[in-house]
């Protein structure tokens, strides 16, 4: 039900392209991944800090 989430299953969260692009833009500008996700309504207390770290690492890798 969050704008940043395209869909979710019991084991995986699929994020919108808009959130991913905004997240990476803010991250490259020095933003904290935990703060970016928290401001989107998905704080580390909800989804876990490791999940946030893995998203950022995967998206960085995808950017090449």
C-alpha atoms as a PDB file:
ATOM      1  CA  UNK A   1       0.000   0.000   0.000  1.00  0.00           C
ATOM      2  CA  UNK A   2       3.070   2.276  -0.066  1.00  0.00           C
ATOM      3  CA  UNK A   3       3.750   4.341  -3.220  1.00  0.00           C
ATOM      4  CA  UNK A   4       7.346   3.022  -3.367  1.00  0.00           C
ATOM      5  CA  UNK A   5       6.211  -0.616  -3.517  1.00  0.00           C
ATOM      6  CA  UNK A   6       5.092  -2.106  -6.813  1.00  0.00           C
ATOM      7  CA  UNK A   7       4.129  -5.417  -5.194  1.00  0.00           C
ATOM      8  CA  UNK A   8       5.184  -7.688  -2.363  1.00  0.00           C
ATOM      9  CA  UNK A   9       5.179 -11.385  -1.603  1.00  0.00           C
ATOM     10  CA  UNK A  10       5.845 -13.148   1.655  1.00  0.00           C
ATOM     11  CA  UNK A  11       9.563 -13.230   0.824  1.00  0.00           C
ATOM     12  CA  UNK A  12      10.243 -10.314  -1.509  1.00  0.00           C
ATOM     13  CA  UNK A  13       9.445  -6.644  -2.034  1.00  0.00           C
ATOM     14  CA  UNK A  14       9.339  -5.243  -5.563  1.00  0.00           C
ATOM     15  CA  UNK A  15       9.951  -1.484  -5.684  1.00  0.00           C
ATOM     16  CA  UNK A  16       8.719   0.973  -8.302  1.00  0.00           C
ATOM     17  CA  UNK A  17      11.217   2.283 -10.829  1.00  0.00           C
ATOM     18  CA  UNK A  18      10.503   5.794  -9.580  1.00  0.00           C
ATOM     19  CA  UNK A  19      11.467   4.888  -6.018  1.00  0.00           C
ATOM     20  CA  UNK A  20      14.575   3.048  -7.131  1.00  0.00           C
ATOM     21  CA  UNK A  21      15.741   5.975  -9.283  1.00  0.00           C
ATOM     22  CA  UNK A  22      14.995   8.532  -6.574  1.00  0.00           C
ATOM     23  CA  UNK A  23      16.661   6.376  -3.948  1.00  0.00           C
ATOM     24  CA  UNK A  24      19.862   6.010  -5.970  1.00  0.00           C
ATOM     25  CA  UNK A  25      19.924   9.706  -6.886  1.00  0.00           C
ATOM     26  CA  UNK A  26      19.647  10.651  -3.215  1.00  0.00           C
ATOM     27  CA  UNK A  27      22.164   7.973  -2.194  1.00  0.00           C
ATOM     28  CA  UNK A  28      24.742   9.259  -4.721  1.00  0.00           C
ATOM     29  CA  UNK A  29      24.172  12.762  -3.331  1.00  0.00           C
ATOM     30  CA  UNK A  30      25.192  11.501   0.117  1.00  0.00           C
ATOM     31  CA  UNK A  31      21.845  10.456   1.563  1.00  0.00           C
ATOM     32  CA  UNK A  32      21.590   7.719   4.142  1.00  0.00           C
ATOM     33  CA  UNK A  33      19.921   4.581   2.738  1.00  0.00           C
ATOM     34  CA  UNK A  34      18.118   3.980   6.032  1.00  0.00           C
ATOM     35  CA  UNK A  35      16.762   7.538   6.062  1.00  0.00           C
ATOM     36  CA  UNK A  36      15.674   7.367   2.400  1.00  0.00           C
ATOM     37  CA  UNK A  37      13.731   4.159   3.013  1.00  0.00           C
ATOM     38  CA  UNK A  38      12.297   5.480   6.298  1.00  0.00           C
ATOM     39  CA  UNK A  39      11.014   8.613   4.580  1.00  0.00           C
ATOM     40  CA  UNK A  40       9.248   6.323   2.086  1.00  0.00           C
ATOM     41  CA  UNK A  41       7.530   4.563   4.989  1.00  0.00           C
ATOM     42  CA  UNK A  42       9.843   1.540   5.086  1.00  0.00           C
ATOM     43  CA  UNK A  43      12.156   2.067   8.013  1.00  0.00           C
ATOM     44  CA  UNK A  44      14.691  -0.510   9.091  1.00  0.00           C
ATOM     45  CA  UNK A  45      12.403  -1.428  11.988  1.00  0.00           C
ATOM     46  CA  UNK A  46       9.820  -2.554   9.416  1.00  0.00           C
ATOM     47  CA  UNK A  47      11.880  -4.233   6.685  1.00  0.00           C
ATOM     48  CA  UNK A  48      15.291  -4.639   8.309  1.00  0.00           C
ATOM     49  CA  UNK A  49      18.530  -2.798   7.746  1.00  0.00           C
ATOM     50  CA  UNK A  50      20.111  -5.740   5.894  1.00  0.00           C
ATOM     51  CA  UNK A  51      17.346  -5.644   3.272  1.00  0.00           C
ATOM     52  CA  UNK A  52      18.011  -1.937   2.741  1.00  0.00           C
ATOM     53  CA  UNK A  53      21.764  -2.558   2.403  1.00  0.00           C
ATOM     54  CA  UNK A  54      21.187  -5.368  -0.101  1.00  0.00           C
ATOM     55  CA  UNK A  55      18.861  -3.207  -2.210  1.00  0.00           C
ATOM     56  CA  UNK A  56      21.414  -0.423  -2.449  1.00  0.00           C
ATOM     57  CA  UNK A  57      24.229  -2.867  -3.279  1.00  0.00           C
ATOM     58  CA  UNK A  58      22.133  -4.592  -5.962  1.00  0.00           C
ATOM     59  CA  UNK A  59      21.031  -1.296  -7.496  1.00  0.00           C
ATOM     60  CA  UNK A  60      24.606   0.035  -7.510  1.00  0.00           C
ATOM     61  CA  UNK A  61      25.726  -3.124  -9.294  1.00  0.00           C
ATOM     62  CA  UNK A  62      22.908  -2.807 -11.833  1.00  0.00           C
ATOM     63  CA  UNK A  63      24.028   0.740 -12.648  1.00  0.00           C
ATOM     64  CA  UNK A  64      27.411  -0.649 -13.652  1.00  0.00           C
END
